[in-house]
C-alpha atoms as a PDB file:
ATOM      1  CA  MET A   1      96.226  87.124 117.859  1.00  0.00           C
ATOM      2  CA  PHE A   2      92.957  87.430 115.913  1.00  0.00           C
ATOM      3  CA  LEU A   3      90.696  84.838 117.468  1.00  0.00           C
ATOM      4  CA  SER A   4      87.668  87.047 116.800  1.00  0.00           C
ATOM      5  CA  ALA A   5      88.142  86.673 113.043  1.00  0.00           C
ATOM      6  CA  ALA A   6      85.684  84.323 111.346  1.00  0.00           C
ATOM      7  CA  LEU A   7      86.871  81.451 109.180  1.00  0.00           C
ATOM      8  CA  THR A   8      86.448  81.563 105.413  1.00  0.00           C
ATOM      9  CA  SER A   9      87.278  78.320 103.628  1.00  0.00           C
ATOM     10  CA  ILE A  10      86.844  76.540 100.323  1.00  0.00           C
ATOM     11  CA  ASN A  11      85.254  73.067 100.371  1.00  0.00           C
ATOM     12  CA  LYS A  12      85.395  72.150  96.705  1.00  0.00           C
ATOM     13  CA  ILE A  13      86.751  73.439  93.406  1.00  0.00           C
ATOM     14  CA  THR A  14      85.844  72.515  89.823  1.00  0.00           C
ATOM     15  CA  LEU A  15      88.101  73.352  86.885  1.00  0.00           C
ATOM     16  CA  ILE A  16      87.159  73.368  83.207  1.00  0.00           C
ATOM     17  CA  GLN A  17      89.880  74.109  80.637  1.00  0.00           C
ATOM     18  CA  PHE A  18      92.008  75.838  83.290  1.00  0.00           C
ATOM     19  CA  ARG A  19      95.738  75.504  82.639  1.00  0.00           C
ATOM     20  CA  ASN A  20      96.492  71.768  82.286  1.00  0.00           C
ATOM     21  CA  TYR A  21      93.049  70.633  83.519  1.00  0.00           C
ATOM     22  CA  SER A  22      90.426  69.670  80.924  1.00  0.00           C
ATOM     23  CA  SER A  23      87.814  68.894  83.548  1.00  0.00           C
ATOM     24  CA  ALA A  24      88.486  68.095  87.189  1.00  0.00           C
ATOM     25  CA  ALA A  25      87.049  68.541  90.683  1.00  0.00           C
ATOM     26  CA  PHE A  26      88.778  68.427  94.073  1.00  0.00           C
ATOM     27  CA  GLY A  27      87.595  68.609  97.669  1.00  0.00           C
ATOM     28  CA  PHE A  28      89.212  70.284 100.670  1.00  0.00           C
ATOM     29  CA  PRO A  29      87.497  68.646 103.656  1.00  0.00           C
ATOM     30  CA  THR A  30      90.370  69.074 106.134  1.00  0.00           C
ATOM     31  CA  PRO A  31      91.940  72.188 107.706  1.00  0.00           C
ATOM     32  CA  VAL A  32      95.216  71.421 105.912  1.00  0.00           C
ATOM     33  CA  THR A  33      95.343  70.030 102.383  1.00  0.00           C
ATOM     34  CA  CYS A  34      98.527  68.968 100.638  1.00  0.00           C
ATOM     35  CA  ILE A  35      98.468  68.829  96.842  1.00  0.00           C
ATOM     36  CA  THR A  36     101.167  66.368  95.889  1.00  0.00           C
ATOM     37  CA  GLY A  37     102.501  64.881  92.687  1.00  0.00           C
ATOM     38  CA  ALA A  38     105.422  64.939  90.302  1.00  0.00           C
ATOM     39  CA  ASN A  39     106.735  68.197  88.888  1.00  0.00           C
ATOM     40  CA  GLY A  40     104.546  69.309  85.995  1.00  0.00           C
ATOM     41  CA  SER A  41     101.444  67.487  87.240  1.00  0.00           C
ATOM     42  CA  GLY A  42      99.503  70.708  87.947  1.00  0.00           C
ATOM     43  CA  LYS A  43     100.041  71.295  91.677  1.00  0.00           C
ATOM     44  CA  THR A  44     100.720  75.018  91.330  1.00  0.00           C
ATOM     45  CA  ASN A  45      97.911  75.397  88.775  1.00  0.00           C
ATOM     46  CA  LEU A  46      95.388  74.003  91.257  1.00  0.00           C
ATOM     47  CA  LEU A  47      96.665  76.324  93.963  1.00  0.00           C
ATOM     48  CA  ASP A  48      96.403  79.232  91.527  1.00  0.00           C
ATOM     49  CA  ALA A  49      92.801  78.323  90.758  1.00  0.00           C
ATOM     50  CA  VAL A  50      91.896  78.839  94.433  1.00  0.00           C
ATOM     51  CA  TYR A  51      93.628  82.225  94.319  1.00  0.00           C
ATOM     52  CA  TYR A  52      91.779  83.085  91.112  1.00  0.00           C
ATOM     53  CA  LEU A  53      88.407  82.538  92.755  1.00  0.00           C
ATOM     54  CA  CYS A  54      89.323  85.032  95.476  1.00  0.00           C
ATOM     55  CA  TYR A  55      90.733  87.762  93.249  1.00  0.00           C
ATOM     56  CA  THR A  56      89.503  86.990  89.698  1.00  0.00           C
ATOM     57  CA  LYS A  57      93.081  86.870  88.467  1.00  0.00           C
ATOM     58  CA  SER A  58      96.056  84.554  88.484  1.00  0.00           C
ATOM     59  CA  TYR A  59      98.778  85.005  91.063  1.00  0.00           C
ATOM     60  CA  PHE A  60     101.442  83.974  88.582  1.00  0.00           C
ATOM     61  CA  SER A  61     100.462  85.679  85.329  1.00  0.00           C
ATOM     62  CA  ALA A  62      99.011  89.068  84.398  1.00  0.00           C
ATOM     63  CA  TYR A  63      97.555  87.670  81.170  1.00  0.00           C
ATOM     64  CA  GLN A  64      94.201  85.897  81.378  1.00  0.00           C
ATOM     65  CA  GLN A  65      94.967  83.898  78.239  1.00  0.00           C
ATOM     66  CA  ASN A  66      97.783  82.131  80.117  1.00  0.00           C
ATOM     67  CA  SER A  67      95.187  80.497  82.376  1.00  0.00           C
ATOM     68  CA  VAL A  68      93.409  78.871  79.412  1.00  0.00           C
ATOM     69  CA  GLN A  69      94.197  75.280  78.510  1.00  0.00           C
ATOM     70  CA  ASN A  70      96.242  75.030  75.321  1.00  0.00           C
ATOM     71  CA  GLY A  71      94.064  75.027  72.221  1.00  0.00           C
ATOM     72  CA  MET A  72      90.948  76.299  74.025  1.00  0.00           C
ATOM     73  CA  ASP A  73      89.311  79.730  73.973  1.00  0.00           C
ATOM     74  CA  GLY A  74      88.222  80.044  77.598  1.00  0.00           C
ATOM     75  CA  PHE A  75      87.936  78.483  81.040  1.00  0.00           C
ATOM     76  CA  ARG A  76      85.671  78.264  84.055  1.00  0.00           C
ATOM     77  CA  VAL A  77      86.583  77.828  87.724  1.00  0.00           C
ATOM     78  CA  THR A  78      83.911  77.245  90.374  1.00  0.00           C
ATOM     79  CA  GLY A  79      84.374  77.042  94.123  1.00  0.00           C
ATOM     80  CA  ASP A  80      82.138  76.129  97.056  1.00  0.00           C
ATOM     81  CA  PHE A  81      83.052  78.500  99.896  1.00  0.00           C
ATOM     82  CA  VAL A  82      81.889  78.617 103.487  1.00  0.00           C
ATOM     83  CA  ARG A  83      81.660  82.191 104.789  1.00  0.00           C
ATOM     84  CA  ASN A  84      79.992  83.230 108.025  1.00  0.00           C
ATOM     85  CA  GLY A  85      78.687  79.690 108.334  1.00  0.00           C
ATOM     86  CA  SER A  86      76.891  79.767 104.962  1.00  0.00           C
ATOM     87  CA  LEU A  87      77.688  78.021 101.692  1.00  0.00           C
ATOM     88  CA  GLU A  88      78.411  80.390  98.790  1.00  0.00           C
ATOM     89  CA  ILE A  89      79.243  79.324  95.246  1.00  0.00           C
ATOM     90  CA  ILE A  90      81.646  81.495  93.264  1.00  0.00           C
ATOM     91  CA  SER A  91      82.185  80.954  89.556  1.00  0.00           C
ATOM     92  CA  CYS A  92      84.734  82.732  87.358  1.00  0.00           C
ATOM     93  CA  LYS A  93      84.402  82.467  83.593  1.00  0.00           C
ATOM     94  CA  TRP A  94      86.728  83.876  80.952  1.00  0.00           C
ATOM     95  CA  LYS A  95      86.147  83.507  77.230  1.00  0.00           C
ATOM     96  CA  ALA A  96      87.312  85.468  74.203  1.00  0.00           C
ATOM     97  CA  GLY A  97      88.582  88.342  76.315  1.00  0.00           C
ATOM     98  CA  LYS A  98      85.469  88.675  78.471  1.00  0.00           C
ATOM     99  CA  LYS A  99      85.450  87.912  82.193  1.00  0.00           C
ATOM    100  CA  GLU A 100      82.307  87.092  84.179  1.00  0.00           C
ATOM    101  CA  ILE A 101      82.075  86.511  87.945  1.00  0.00           C
ATOM    102  CA  TYR A 102      79.045  84.912  89.587  1.00  0.00           C
ATOM    103  CA  LYS A 103      78.012  84.501  93.207  1.00  0.00           C
ATOM    104  CA  ASP A 104      75.298  81.920  93.815  1.00  0.00           C
ATOM    105  CA  GLY A 105      74.332  82.170  90.140  1.00  0.00           C
ATOM    106  CA  ALA A 106      74.014  85.964  90.051  1.00  0.00           C
ATOM    107  CA  GLU A 107      76.598  87.928  88.068  1.00  0.00           C
ATOM    108  CA  TYR A 108      78.436  90.748  89.785  1.00  0.00           C
ATOM    109  CA  GLU A 109      77.671  94.139  88.248  1.00  0.00           C
ATOM    110  CA  LYS A 110      81.257  95.211  88.922  1.00  0.00           C
ATOM    111  CA  ILE A 111      84.147  92.783  89.395  1.00  0.00           C
ATOM    112  CA  THR A 112      85.590  95.115  92.033  1.00  0.00           C
ATOM    113  CA  ASP A 113      82.585  94.298  94.248  1.00  0.00           C
ATOM    114  CA  HIS A 114      84.078  90.814  94.664  1.00  0.00           C
ATOM    115  CA  ILE A 115      87.480  92.020  95.918  1.00  0.00           C
ATOM    116  CA  GLY A 116      87.790  91.725  99.699  1.00  0.00           C
ATOM    117  CA  VAL A 117      84.857  89.340 100.110  1.00  0.00           C
ATOM    118  CA  TYR A 118      87.126  86.298  99.919  1.00  0.00           C
ATOM    119  CA  SER A 119      90.817  86.498 100.624  1.00  0.00           C
ATOM    120  CA  ALA A 120      93.898  84.358 100.271  1.00  0.00           C
ATOM    121  CA  VAL A 121      97.588  84.885 100.911  1.00  0.00           C
ATOM    122  CA  MET A 122     100.009  83.096  98.614  1.00  0.00           C
ATOM    123  CA  ILE A 123     103.642  82.342  99.436  1.00  0.00           C
ATOM    124  CA  ALA A 124     105.598  81.104  96.413  1.00  0.00           C
ATOM    125  CA  PRO A 125     109.281  80.622  95.498  1.00  0.00           C
ATOM    126  CA  ASP A 126     109.450  83.626  93.151  1.00  0.00           C
ATOM    127  CA  ASP A 127     108.164  85.986  95.844  1.00  0.00           C
ATOM    128  CA  THR A 128     111.769  86.963  96.540  1.00  0.00           C
ATOM    129  CA  GLU A 129     111.199  89.609  93.845  1.00  0.00           C
ATOM    130  CA  LEU A 130     109.292  91.470  96.530  1.00  0.00           C
ATOM    131  CA  ILE A 131     112.678  92.065  98.143  1.00  0.00           C
ATOM    132  CA  ASN A 132     115.099  91.905  95.214  1.00  0.00           C
ATOM    133  CA  GLY A 133     112.901  93.419  92.524  1.00  0.00           C
ATOM    134  CA  SER A 134     111.919  96.930  91.512  1.00  0.00           C
ATOM    135  CA  SER A 135     109.780  99.419  93.431  1.00  0.00           C
ATOM    136  CA  GLU A 136     106.834  98.441  91.213  1.00  0.00           C
ATOM    137  CA  GLN A 137     106.785  94.976  92.804  1.00  0.00           C
ATOM    138  CA  ARG A 138     106.443  96.449  96.300  1.00  0.00           C
ATOM    139  CA  ARG A 139     103.853  99.047  95.236  1.00  0.00           C
ATOM    140  CA  LYS A 140     101.669  96.385  93.640  1.00  0.00           C
ATOM    141  CA  TRP A 141     101.927  94.248  96.760  1.00  0.00           C
ATOM    142  CA  VAL A 142     100.910  97.053  99.136  1.00  0.00           C
ATOM    143  CA  ASP A 143      98.155  98.139  96.737  1.00  0.00           C
ATOM    144  CA  SER A 144      96.803  94.570  96.610  1.00  0.00           C
ATOM    145  CA  ILE A 145      96.488  94.539 100.406  1.00  0.00           C
ATOM    146  CA  LEU A 146      94.894  97.971 100.740  1.00  0.00           C
ATOM    147  CA  GLY A 147      92.663  97.379  97.720  1.00  0.00           C
ATOM    148  CA  GLN A 148      91.155  94.374  99.517  1.00  0.00           C
ATOM    149  CA  ALA A 149      90.874  96.151 102.823  1.00  0.00           C
ATOM    150  CA  TYR A 150      89.305  99.388 101.605  1.00  0.00           C
ATOM    151  CA  LYS A 151      87.061  99.634  98.573  1.00  0.00           C
ATOM    152  CA  SER A 152      87.615 103.405  98.390  1.00  0.00           C
ATOM    153  CA  TYR A 153      91.372 102.793  98.093  1.00  0.00           C
ATOM    154  CA  LEU A 154      90.867 100.485  95.123  1.00  0.00           C
ATOM    155  CA  GLU A 155      88.531 102.965  93.428  1.00  0.00           C
ATOM    156  CA  LYS A 156      90.835 105.954  93.928  1.00  0.00           C
ATOM    157  CA  LEU A 157      93.900 103.992  92.861  1.00  0.00           C
ATOM    158  CA  MET A 158      92.182 102.871  89.653  1.00  0.00           C
ATOM    159  CA  ARG A 159      91.096 106.454  88.912  1.00  0.00           C
ATOM    160  CA  TYR A 160      94.592 107.767  89.640  1.00  0.00           C
ATOM    161  CA  GLN A 161      96.124 105.245  87.246  1.00  0.00           C
ATOM    162  CA  ARG A 162      93.570 106.037  84.544  1.00  0.00           C
ATOM    163  CA  VAL A 163      94.024 109.827  84.819  1.00  0.00           C
ATOM    164  CA  LEU A 164      97.816 109.417  84.963  1.00  0.00           C
ATOM    165  CA  LEU A 165      97.683 107.750  81.550  1.00  0.00           C
ATOM    166  CA  GLN A 166      95.526 110.615  80.244  1.00  0.00           C
ATOM    167  CA  ARG A 167      97.923 113.237  81.591  1.00  0.00           C
ATOM    168  CA  ASN A 168     100.895 111.439  80.062  1.00  0.00           C
ATOM    169  CA  ALA A 169      99.070 111.304  76.706  1.00  0.00           C
ATOM    170  CA  TRP A 170      98.465 115.077  76.978  1.00  0.00           C
ATOM    171  CA  LEU A 171     102.172 115.619  77.679  1.00  0.00           C
ATOM    172  CA  LYS A 172     103.132 113.579  74.595  1.00  0.00           C
ATOM    173  CA  MET A 173     100.679 115.536  72.457  1.00  0.00           C
ATOM    174  CA  GLN A 174     102.372 118.803  73.474  1.00  0.00           C
ATOM    175  CA  ALA A 175     105.581 117.628  71.779  1.00  0.00           C
ATOM    176  CA  THR A 176     103.895 117.546  68.346  1.00  0.00           C
ATOM    177  CA  ASN A 177     100.825 119.743  68.759  1.00  0.00           C
ATOM    178  CA  PRO A 178     101.402 122.224  71.605  1.00  0.00           C
ATOM    179  CA  THR A 179      98.555 124.259  73.010  1.00  0.00           C
ATOM    180  CA  LYS A 180      98.385 127.248  75.331  1.00  0.00           C
ATOM    181  CA  ASP A 181      95.080 126.035  76.775  1.00  0.00           C
ATOM    182  CA  ASN A 182      95.792 124.248  80.085  1.00  0.00           C
ATOM    183  CA  VAL A 183      92.191 123.554  81.088  1.00  0.00           C
ATOM    184  CA  GLU A 184      92.589 119.838  80.372  1.00  0.00           C
ATOM    185  CA  LEU A 185      95.886 119.705  82.246  1.00  0.00           C
ATOM    186  CA  ASP A 186      94.392 121.498  85.259  1.00  0.00           C
ATOM    187  CA  TYR A 187      91.585 118.932  85.329  1.00  0.00           C
ATOM    188  CA  TYR A 188      94.046 116.035  85.360  1.00  0.00           C
ATOM    189  CA  ASN A 189      96.210 117.704  87.998  1.00  0.00           C
ATOM    190  CA  GLY A 190      93.248 118.266  90.295  1.00  0.00           C
ATOM    191  CA  ILE A 191      92.140 114.622  90.252  1.00  0.00           C
ATOM    192  CA  LEU A 192      95.679 113.282  90.611  1.00  0.00           C
ATOM    193  CA  ALA A 193      96.408 115.566  93.562  1.00  0.00           C
ATOM    194  CA  GLU A 194      93.175 114.606  95.338  1.00  0.00           C
ATOM    195  CA  ASP A 195      93.597 110.857  94.880  1.00  0.00           C
ATOM    196  CA  ALA A 196      97.323 110.919  95.622  1.00  0.00           C
ATOM    197  CA  THR A 197      96.724 112.615  98.971  1.00  0.00           C
ATOM    198  CA  TYR A 198      94.243 109.927  99.994  1.00  0.00           C
ATOM    199  CA  ILE A 199      96.460 107.064  98.771  1.00  0.00           C
ATOM    200  CA  HIS A 200      99.550 108.481 100.469  1.00  0.00           C
ATOM    201  CA  ASN A 201      97.731 108.870 103.790  1.00  0.00           C
ATOM    202  CA  GLN A 202      96.422 105.301 103.585  1.00  0.00           C
ATOM    203  CA  ARG A 203      99.891 103.958 102.860  1.00  0.00           C
ATOM    204  CA  VAL A 204     101.321 105.858 105.834  1.00  0.00           C
ATOM    205  CA  ALA A 205      98.606 104.486 108.140  1.00  0.00           C
ATOM    206  CA  PHE A 206      99.074 100.971 106.751  1.00  0.00           C
ATOM    207  CA  LEU A 207     102.788 100.933 107.534  1.00  0.00           C
ATOM    208  CA  ALA A 208     102.148 102.083 111.108  1.00  0.00           C
ATOM    209  CA  ASP A 209      99.794  99.125 111.646  1.00  0.00           C
ATOM    210  CA  PHE A 210     101.844  96.672 109.623  1.00  0.00           C
ATOM    211  CA  LEU A 211     105.331  97.196 111.040  1.00  0.00           C
ATOM    212  CA  PRO A 212     104.668  95.734 114.528  1.00  0.00           C
ATOM    213  CA  LEU A 213     103.202  92.608 112.894  1.00  0.00           C
ATOM    214  CA  LEU A 214     106.225  92.306 110.625  1.00  0.00           C
ATOM    215  CA  ASN A 215     108.658  92.647 113.526  1.00  0.00           C
ATOM    216  CA  ASP A 216     106.850  89.992 115.534  1.00  0.00           C
ATOM    217  CA  PHE A 217     106.796  87.425 112.730  1.00  0.00           C
ATOM    218  CA  TYR A 218     110.384  88.083 111.669  1.00  0.00           C
ATOM    219  CA  HIS A 219     111.757  87.445 115.127  1.00  0.00           C
ATOM    220  CA  ARG A 220     109.588  84.355 115.565  1.00  0.00           C
ATOM    221  CA  LEU A 221     110.816  82.951 112.260  1.00  0.00           C
ATOM    222  CA  SER A 222     114.491  83.836 112.538  1.00  0.00           C
ATOM    223  CA  GLY A 223     115.018  83.520 116.270  1.00  0.00           C
ATOM    224  CA  GLY A 224     117.285  86.517 115.878  1.00  0.00           C
ATOM    225  CA  LYS A 225     117.318  89.869 117.590  1.00  0.00           C
ATOM    226  CA  GLU A 226     118.536  92.012 114.696  1.00  0.00           C
ATOM    227  CA  PRO A 227     116.379  95.118 114.230  1.00  0.00           C
ATOM    228  CA  ILE A 228     114.304  95.409 111.065  1.00  0.00           C
ATOM    229  CA  GLN A 229     112.726  98.501 109.614  1.00  0.00           C
ATOM    230  CA  VAL A 230     110.576  99.519 106.659  1.00  0.00           C
ATOM    231  CA  THR A 231     110.723 103.117 105.470  1.00  0.00           C
ATOM    232  CA  TYR A 232     108.033 104.499 103.183  1.00  0.00           C
ATOM    233  CA  GLU A 233     109.640 106.650 100.480  1.00  0.00           C
ATOM    234  CA  SER A 234     107.278 109.053  98.709  1.00  0.00           C
ATOM    235  CA  ASP A 235     107.421 112.374  96.902  1.00  0.00           C
ATOM    236  CA  LEU A 236     104.403 113.405  98.964  1.00  0.00           C
ATOM    237  CA  SER A 237     106.448 113.196 102.146  1.00  0.00           C
ATOM    238  CA  GLN A 238     108.153 116.401 100.953  1.00  0.00           C
ATOM    239  CA  LYS A 239     105.288 118.388  99.449  1.00  0.00           C
ATOM    240  CA  SER A 240     101.807 117.935  97.983  1.00  0.00           C
ATOM    241  CA  LEU A 241     101.382 116.443  94.528  1.00  0.00           C
ATOM    242  CA  ALA A 242      99.661 119.656  93.436  1.00  0.00           C
ATOM    243  CA  ASP A 243     102.896 121.530  94.160  1.00  0.00           C
ATOM    244  CA  TRP A 244     105.031 118.880  92.466  1.00  0.00           C
ATOM    245  CA  LEU A 245     102.907 118.927  89.290  1.00  0.00           C
ATOM    246  CA  LYS A 246     103.066 122.703  89.083  1.00  0.00           C
ATOM    247  CA  GLN A 247     106.785 122.917  89.855  1.00  0.00           C
ATOM    248  CA  ASN A 248     107.831 120.044  87.568  1.00  0.00           C
ATOM    249  CA  LEU A 249     105.755 120.814  84.482  1.00  0.00           C
ATOM    250  CA  GLN A 250     108.743 121.801  82.343  1.00  0.00           C
ATOM    251  CA  TYR A 251     110.473 118.488  83.156  1.00  0.00           C
ATOM    252  CA  ASP A 252     107.276 116.488  82.570  1.00  0.00           C
ATOM    253  CA  LEU A 253     106.934 118.138  79.152  1.00  0.00           C
ATOM    254  CA  ARG A 254     110.556 117.402  78.323  1.00  0.00           C
ATOM    255  CA  TYR A 255     110.305 113.701  79.244  1.00  0.00           C
ATOM    256  CA  GLN A 256     106.624 113.402  78.164  1.00  0.00           C
ATOM    257  CA  ARG A 257     105.558 111.668  81.353  1.00  0.00           C
ATOM    258  CA  THR A 258     104.644 112.503  84.941  1.00  0.00           C
ATOM    259  CA  LEU A 259     107.857 112.230  86.929  1.00  0.00           C
ATOM    260  CA  ARG A 260     106.474 112.769  90.446  1.00  0.00           C
ATOM    261  CA  GLY A 261     103.643 111.106  92.307  1.00  0.00           C
ATOM    262  CA  ILE A 262     102.538 108.097  94.326  1.00  0.00           C
ATOM    263  CA  HIS A 263     103.221 105.914  91.257  1.00  0.00           C
ATOM    264  CA  LYS A 264     106.918 106.345  92.123  1.00  0.00           C
ATOM    265  CA  ASP A 265     106.625 105.348  95.804  1.00  0.00           C
ATOM    266  CA  ASP A 266     108.791 102.624  97.312  1.00  0.00           C
ATOM    267  CA  TRP A 267     109.370 100.823 100.605  1.00  0.00           C
ATOM    268  CA  ASP A 268     112.961 100.504 101.812  1.00  0.00           C
ATOM    269  CA  LEU A 269     113.374  97.178 103.623  1.00  0.00           C
ATOM    270  CA  GLN A 270     116.195  97.285 106.163  1.00  0.00           C
ATOM    271  CA  LEU A 271     117.947  94.845 108.469  1.00  0.00           C
ATOM    272  CA  ASN A 272     120.522  96.013 111.010  1.00  0.00           C
ATOM    273  CA  ASN A 273     120.104  99.493 109.508  1.00  0.00           C
ATOM    274  CA  LEU A 274     121.327  98.225 106.122  1.00  0.00           C
ATOM    275  CA  ALA A 275     119.383  97.713 102.897  1.00  0.00           C
ATOM    276  CA  LEU A 276     118.107  94.124 102.902  1.00  0.00           C
ATOM    277  CA  LYS A 277     118.225  93.959  99.098  1.00  0.00           C
ATOM    278  CA  GLN A 278     121.971  94.624  98.990  1.00  0.00           C
ATOM    279  CA  PHE A 279     123.288  93.295 102.280  1.00  0.00           C
ATOM    280  CA  GLY A 280     120.891  90.606 103.528  1.00  0.00           C
ATOM    281  CA  SER A 281     121.906  86.946 103.403  1.00  0.00           C
ATOM    282  CA  GLN A 282     119.693  84.432 101.629  1.00  0.00           C
ATOM    283  CA  GLY A 283     118.487  83.128 104.988  1.00  0.00           C
ATOM    284  CA  GLN A 284     117.668  86.631 106.238  1.00  0.00           C
ATOM    285  CA  LYS A 285     115.799  87.407 103.037  1.00  0.00           C
ATOM    286  CA  LYS A 286     113.751  84.207 103.350  1.00  0.00           C
ATOM    287  CA  SER A 287     112.812  85.039 106.934  1.00  0.00           C
ATOM    288  CA  PHE A 288     111.951  88.613 105.963  1.00  0.00           C
ATOM    289  CA  LEU A 289     109.843  87.467 103.005  1.00  0.00           C
ATOM    290  CA  PHE A 290     107.874  84.970 105.066  1.00  0.00           C
ATOM    291  CA  ALA A 291     107.406  87.600 107.770  1.00  0.00           C
ATOM    292  CA  LEU A 292     106.036  90.022 105.156  1.00  0.00           C
ATOM    293  CA  LYS A 293     103.502  87.465 103.968  1.00  0.00           C
ATOM    294  CA  LEU A 294     102.465  86.368 107.461  1.00  0.00           C
ATOM    295  CA  ALA A 295     102.077  89.996 108.503  1.00  0.00           C
ATOM    296  CA  GLN A 296      99.930  90.492 105.392  1.00  0.00           C
ATOM    297  CA  TYR A 297      97.775  87.578 106.574  1.00  0.00           C
ATOM    298  CA  ALA A 298      97.453  89.021 110.079  1.00  0.00           C
ATOM    299  CA  TYR A 299      96.656  92.512 108.775  1.00  0.00           C
ATOM    300  CA  LEU A 300      93.918  91.236 106.448  1.00  0.00           C
ATOM    301  CA  SER A 301      92.496  89.054 109.226  1.00  0.00           C
ATOM    302  CA  LYS A 302      92.153  92.099 111.435  1.00  0.00           C
ATOM    303  CA  VAL A 303      90.745  94.489 108.834  1.00  0.00           C
ATOM    304  CA  LEU A 304      88.451  92.101 106.954  1.00  0.00           C
ATOM    305  CA  GLY A 305      87.248  90.239 110.024  1.00  0.00           C
ATOM    306  CA  HIS A 306      87.881  86.764 108.612  1.00  0.00           C
ATOM    307  CA  LEU A 307      90.856  84.437 108.289  1.00  0.00           C
ATOM    308  CA  PRO A 308      92.159  84.253 104.712  1.00  0.00           C
ATOM    309  CA  ILE A 309      93.096  80.983 103.054  1.00  0.00           C
ATOM    310  CA  LEU A 310      96.853  80.422 103.267  1.00  0.00           C
ATOM    311  CA  LEU A 311      98.351  79.061 100.037  1.00  0.00           C
ATOM    312  CA  LEU A 312     101.906  77.680 100.175  1.00  0.00           C
ATOM    313  CA  ASP A 313     103.563  76.702  96.914  1.00  0.00           C
ATOM    314  CA  ASP A 314     106.473  74.298  97.324  1.00  0.00           C
ATOM    315  CA  ILE A 315     107.994  76.304 100.167  1.00  0.00           C
ATOM    316  CA  PHE A 316     109.268  73.484 102.373  1.00  0.00           C
ATOM    317  CA  GLU A 317     111.718  72.596  99.604  1.00  0.00           C
ATOM    318  CA  LYS A 318     113.333  76.011 100.129  1.00  0.00           C
ATOM    319  CA  LEU A 319     113.499  76.173 103.937  1.00  0.00           C
ATOM    320  CA  ASP A 320     116.015  74.815 106.388  1.00  0.00           C
ATOM    321  CA  GLN A 321     114.776  72.773 109.335  1.00  0.00           C
ATOM    322  CA  ASN A 322     114.739  75.621 111.850  1.00  0.00           C
ATOM    323  CA  ARG A 323     112.741  77.986 109.655  1.00  0.00           C
ATOM    324  CA  MET A 324     110.354  75.226 108.644  1.00  0.00           C
ATOM    325  CA  GLU A 325     109.646  74.352 112.272  1.00  0.00           C
ATOM    326  CA  ALA A 326     109.174  78.015 113.160  1.00  0.00           C
ATOM    327  CA  LEU A 327     106.769  78.513 110.262  1.00  0.00           C
ATOM    328  CA  LEU A 328     104.791  75.407 111.216  1.00  0.00           C
ATOM    329  CA  ARG A 329     104.432  76.603 114.804  1.00  0.00           C
ATOM    330  CA  ILE A 330     102.934  79.833 113.503  1.00  0.00           C
ATOM    331  CA  ILE A 331     100.500  78.526 110.881  1.00  0.00           C
ATOM    332  CA  ARG A 332      99.244  75.710 113.112  1.00  0.00           C
ATOM    333  CA  GLY A 333      98.102  78.290 115.677  1.00  0.00           C
ATOM    334  CA  GLU A 334      94.526  79.463 116.159  1.00  0.00           C
ATOM    335  CA  SER A 335      95.268  82.746 114.381  1.00  0.00           C
ATOM    336  CA  PHE A 336      95.448  80.892 111.054  1.00  0.00           C
ATOM    337  CA  GLY A 337      92.651  79.205 109.143  1.00  0.00           C
ATOM    338  CA  GLN A 338      92.587  76.869 106.159  1.00  0.00           C
ATOM    339  CA  VAL A 339      95.967  75.946 104.663  1.00  0.00           C
ATOM    340  CA  ILE A 340      96.431  74.531 101.161  1.00  0.00           C
ATOM    341  CA  LEU A 341      99.976  73.670 100.098  1.00  0.00           C
ATOM    342  CA  THR A 342     101.916  71.857  97.433  1.00  0.00           C
ATOM    343  CA  ASP A 343     104.809  69.462  97.925  1.00  0.00           C
ATOM    344  CA  THR A 344     106.415  66.657  95.956  1.00  0.00           C
ATOM    345  CA  HIS A 345     107.005  64.628  99.141  1.00  0.00           C
ATOM    346  CA  PRO A 346     103.798  63.773 101.053  1.00  0.00           C
ATOM    347  CA  GLU A 347     105.779  62.024 103.770  1.00  0.00           C
ATOM    348  CA  ARG A 348     107.507  65.318 104.573  1.00  0.00           C
ATOM    349  CA  ILE A 349     104.111  66.952 105.147  1.00  0.00           C
ATOM    350  CA  ARG A 350     102.901  64.080 107.320  1.00  0.00           C
ATOM    351  CA  GLN A 351     106.005  64.371 109.419  1.00  0.00           C
ATOM    352  CA  ALA A 352     105.846  68.171 109.559  1.00  0.00           C
ATOM    353  CA  PHE A 353     102.237  68.436 110.701  1.00  0.00           C
ATOM    354  CA  GLY A 354     102.200  65.337 112.858  1.00  0.00           C
ATOM    355  CA  SER A 355      99.619  62.580 113.176  1.00  0.00           C
ATOM    356  CA  GLU A 356      97.267  64.690 115.292  1.00  0.00           C
ATOM    357  CA  ALA A 357      96.712  67.339 112.630  1.00  0.00           C
ATOM    358  CA  GLU A 358      93.883  66.881 110.153  1.00  0.00           C
ATOM    359  CA  VAL A 359      95.808  66.778 106.903  1.00  0.00           C
ATOM    360  CA  GLY A 360      94.212  65.715 103.646  1.00  0.00           C
ATOM    361  CA  PHE A 361      96.037  64.837 100.452  1.00  0.00           C
ATOM    362  CA  ILE A 362      95.223  65.413  96.806  1.00  0.00           C
ATOM    363  CA  TYR A 363      97.327  63.118  94.633  1.00  0.00           C
ATOM    364  CA  LEU A 364      97.886  64.256  91.046  1.00  0.00           C
END
């Protein structure tokens, strides 16, 4: 599908005081690498370290301190990447609340400059929250994709979130110290309306490009013909945010927060014209989830111009034989690049990928 996309891969990773690793180094010389070992040996932590190098954050925890080995005050993760045929060394350091990111020994001026340069797509057991969880889960997921793809999206989203907090603080202040001067409020409203329009338009365009990919992968994974649909639900589909902020001010003051805006958006996932969250079977939800992640991979491949690293955390334990075989047929194709996965049973991986595939093993 995206044979023109270049391959980005990681050759080696070094961990110092990261999670359960005091000091360790691992190589990834083969297209597929299986990290195997007993439960609790650090398989997922190693996978997360690869993700961290791409995005300067953990996939599994929002708190940096959770990535530090117990009893220590910081960590360092370093990876040798190959991008556009050249070796590039990325190092992420966190200590005492300060994060530093280096590329070939030079520190990034802004961490956001690193986002989108290297990419990875993780599929993990708890990802079902993308379907079963709140709208915030789906917003964060879409924002993570568009933030990688378009630097301007990331910048405007960060400004929107910052100004939203300032507007909400102004609304709270009015409850105890009201003012008739709305100059500050007008300033906040202007920025929010401008950024919300851009973000909304990008989300609309994203769904138009994304939905055909999602449909294709879902039907390849499930073998079914049931129709699927994703509907983007947004206040801005009805009227501009400028109008909402003006019309809703009395309610915002009453509840001391901004009740309308792109921070309330959601995506309604449907199967057979019914809400997947309420009416989908476990098997249908698994197929839909994997289709979402594979479509994310395909979308990023197309927009970024390189194949992300595919990270699979203990997924074959959760799949039936038919879905596992369908997934393997997809990720072994030329449209997918480096694959790093975890599994407690190395023999299952050998059997799944076959003797002809170049599969390496890291035993923990």
